Amino acid sequence: MPDLSTNNFHPDDRDRVDEAMRRSEETGAPFGAEYRLIASDGRTVWFHDEAVVTARNEDGRPKVVQACCSTSPSASTSRRSSSGP
């Protein structure tokens, strides 16, 4: 998986997403997660992310990752309403 910083992840999601990324990198299993990022203006934005390692280098580290990440304002509003502020 790419070396993604989890600094902008919502604190309640950070460990879970970090673990899912690590597990995907180690096992080759596809990565999939929904999580919140904190935007530079302080807003919380929901993302749905899926990725798969398609090639590795000589030492086994991911070399090529195919990924798709999306967000939806309506999904974000719905999740905020159902999970509280």
C-alpha atoms as a PDB file:
ATOM      1  CA  MET A   1       0.000   0.000   0.000  1.00  0.00           C
ATOM      2  CA  PRO A   2       1.179   3.556  -0.482  1.00  0.00           C
ATOM      3  CA  ASP A   3       2.787   5.223   2.499  1.00  0.00           C
ATOM      4  CA  LEU A   4      -0.266   7.237   3.487  1.00  0.00           C
ATOM      5  CA  SER A   5      -0.119   9.446   6.540  1.00  0.00           C
ATOM      6  CA  THR A   6      -3.023   8.899   8.898  1.00  0.00           C
ATOM      7  CA  ASN A   7      -2.599  12.365  10.469  1.00  0.00           C
ATOM      8  CA  ASN A   8      -5.842  13.657   8.902  1.00  0.00           C
ATOM      9  CA  PHE A   9      -7.911  10.587   9.760  1.00  0.00           C
ATOM     10  CA  HIS A  10     -10.643  11.025  12.338  1.00  0.00           C
ATOM     11  CA  PRO A  11      -9.201   9.769  15.660  1.00  0.00           C
ATOM     12  CA  ASP A  12     -11.947   7.138  15.984  1.00  0.00           C
ATOM     13  CA  ASP A  13     -11.042   5.664  12.564  1.00  0.00           C
ATOM     14  CA  ARG A  14      -7.236   5.982  12.533  1.00  0.00           C
ATOM     15  CA  ASP A  15      -6.239   2.673  14.197  1.00  0.00           C
ATOM     16  CA  ARG A  16      -8.839   0.627  12.304  1.00  0.00           C
ATOM     17  CA  VAL A  17      -7.811   1.976   8.893  1.00  0.00           C
ATOM     18  CA  ASP A  18      -4.103   1.728   9.696  1.00  0.00           C
ATOM     19  CA  GLU A  19      -4.573  -1.938  10.655  1.00  0.00           C
ATOM     20  CA  ALA A  20      -6.591  -2.670   7.494  1.00  0.00           C
ATOM     21  CA  MET A  21      -3.844  -1.089   5.344  1.00  0.00           C
ATOM     22  CA  ARG A  22      -1.153  -3.098   7.133  1.00  0.00           C
ATOM     23  CA  ARG A  23      -3.094  -6.355   6.797  1.00  0.00           C
ATOM     24  CA  SER A  24      -3.665  -5.747   3.081  1.00  0.00           C
ATOM     25  CA  GLU A  25       0.016  -4.984   2.506  1.00  0.00           C
ATOM     26  CA  GLU A  26       1.153  -8.100   4.386  1.00  0.00           C
ATOM     27  CA  THR A  27      -1.368 -10.607   3.029  1.00  0.00           C
ATOM     28  CA  GLY A  28      -2.169  -9.224  -0.407  1.00  0.00           C
ATOM     29  CA  ALA A  29      -5.877  -9.185   0.469  1.00  0.00           C
ATOM     30  CA  PRO A  30      -7.846  -6.320  -1.055  1.00  0.00           C
ATOM     31  CA  PHE A  31      -8.174  -3.223   1.133  1.00  0.00           C
ATOM     32  CA  GLY A  32     -11.608  -1.731   1.736  1.00  0.00           C
ATOM     33  CA  ALA A  33     -12.729   0.765   4.346  1.00  0.00           C
ATOM     34  CA  GLU A  34     -15.060   3.617   5.081  1.00  0.00           C
ATOM     35  CA  TYR A  35     -13.525   6.330   7.209  1.00  0.00           C
ATOM     36  CA  ARG A  36     -13.593  10.006   8.029  1.00  0.00           C
ATOM     37  CA  LEU A  37     -10.921  12.555   7.186  1.00  0.00           C
ATOM     38  CA  ILE A  38     -10.622  15.959   8.795  1.00  0.00           C
ATOM     39  CA  ALA A  39     -10.457  18.617   6.064  1.00  0.00           C
ATOM     40  CA  SER A  40      -8.144  21.622   6.381  1.00  0.00           C
ATOM     41  CA  ASP A  41     -11.155  23.777   7.302  1.00  0.00           C
ATOM     42  CA  GLY A  42     -12.106  21.378  10.131  1.00  0.00           C
ATOM     43  CA  ARG A  43     -15.015  19.633   8.362  1.00  0.00           C
ATOM     44  CA  THR A  44     -15.358  15.862   8.700  1.00  0.00           C
ATOM     45  CA  VAL A  45     -15.632  14.138   5.309  1.00  0.00           C
ATOM     46  CA  TRP A  46     -16.605  10.461   4.838  1.00  0.00           C
ATOM     47  CA  PHE A  47     -14.675   8.361   2.295  1.00  0.00           C
ATOM     48  CA  HIS A  48     -15.099   4.898   0.847  1.00  0.00           C
ATOM     49  CA  ASP A  49     -11.746   3.482  -0.232  1.00  0.00           C
ATOM     50  CA  GLU A  50     -10.834   0.244  -2.028  1.00  0.00           C
ATOM     51  CA  ALA A  51      -7.381  -0.848  -3.170  1.00  0.00           C
ATOM     52  CA  VAL A  52      -5.487  -3.921  -4.304  1.00  0.00           C
ATOM     53  CA  VAL A  53      -1.762  -4.549  -4.724  1.00  0.00           C
ATOM     54  CA  THR A  54      -1.212  -5.497  -8.375  1.00  0.00           C
ATOM     55  CA  ALA A  55       2.599  -5.838  -8.338  1.00  0.00           C
ATOM     56  CA  ARG A  56       5.378  -6.131  -5.762  1.00  0.00           C
ATOM     57  CA  ASN A  57       9.064  -5.284  -5.958  1.00  0.00           C
ATOM     58  CA  GLU A  58      11.929  -7.707  -5.279  1.00  0.00           C
ATOM     59  CA  ASP A  59      11.703  -7.402  -1.485  1.00  0.00           C
ATOM     60  CA  GLY A  60       7.938  -8.031  -1.491  1.00  0.00           C
ATOM     61  CA  ARG A  61       6.821  -4.451  -0.867  1.00  0.00           C
ATOM     62  CA  PRO A  62       3.886  -3.168  -2.927  1.00  0.00           C
ATOM     63  CA  LYS A  63       5.124  -1.610  -6.154  1.00  0.00           C
ATOM     64  CA  VAL A  64       1.817  -0.914  -7.914  1.00  0.00           C
ATOM     65  CA  VAL A  65      -1.491  -0.324  -6.141  1.00  0.00           C
ATOM     66  CA  GLN A  66      -4.776   0.085  -7.967  1.00  0.00           C
ATOM     67  CA  ALA A  67      -7.168   2.162  -5.869  1.00  0.00           C
ATOM     68  CA  CYS A  68     -10.516   3.922  -5.945  1.00  0.00           C
ATOM     69  CA  CYS A  69     -11.599   6.419  -3.325  1.00  0.00           C
ATOM     70  CA  SER A  70     -14.873   8.298  -3.302  1.00  0.00           C
ATOM     71  CA  THR A  71     -17.017  10.489  -1.120  1.00  0.00           C
ATOM     72  CA  SER A  72     -20.576  11.711  -1.309  1.00  0.00           C
ATOM     73  CA  PRO A  73     -22.030  14.789   0.381  1.00  0.00           C
ATOM     74  CA  SER A  74     -25.368  13.003   0.836  1.00  0.00           C
ATOM     75  CA  ALA A  75     -23.695   9.945   2.385  1.00  0.00           C
ATOM     76  CA  SER A  76     -21.692  12.176   4.704  1.00  0.00           C
ATOM     77  CA  THR A  77     -24.829  13.994   5.845  1.00  0.00           C
ATOM     78  CA  SER A  78     -26.671  10.704   6.363  1.00  0.00           C
ATOM     79  CA  ARG A  79     -23.851   9.201   8.429  1.00  0.00           C
ATOM     80  CA  ARG A  80     -23.483  12.338  10.571  1.00  0.00           C
ATOM     81  CA  SER A  81     -27.201  12.321  11.263  1.00  0.00           C
ATOM     82  CA  SER A  82     -27.228   8.663  12.318  1.00  0.00           C
ATOM     83  CA  SER A  83     -23.979   8.714  14.337  1.00  0.00           C
ATOM     84  CA  GLY A  84     -24.397  12.036  16.120  1.00  0.00           C
ATOM     85  CA  PRO A  85     -22.261  15.182  15.821  1.00  0.00           C
END
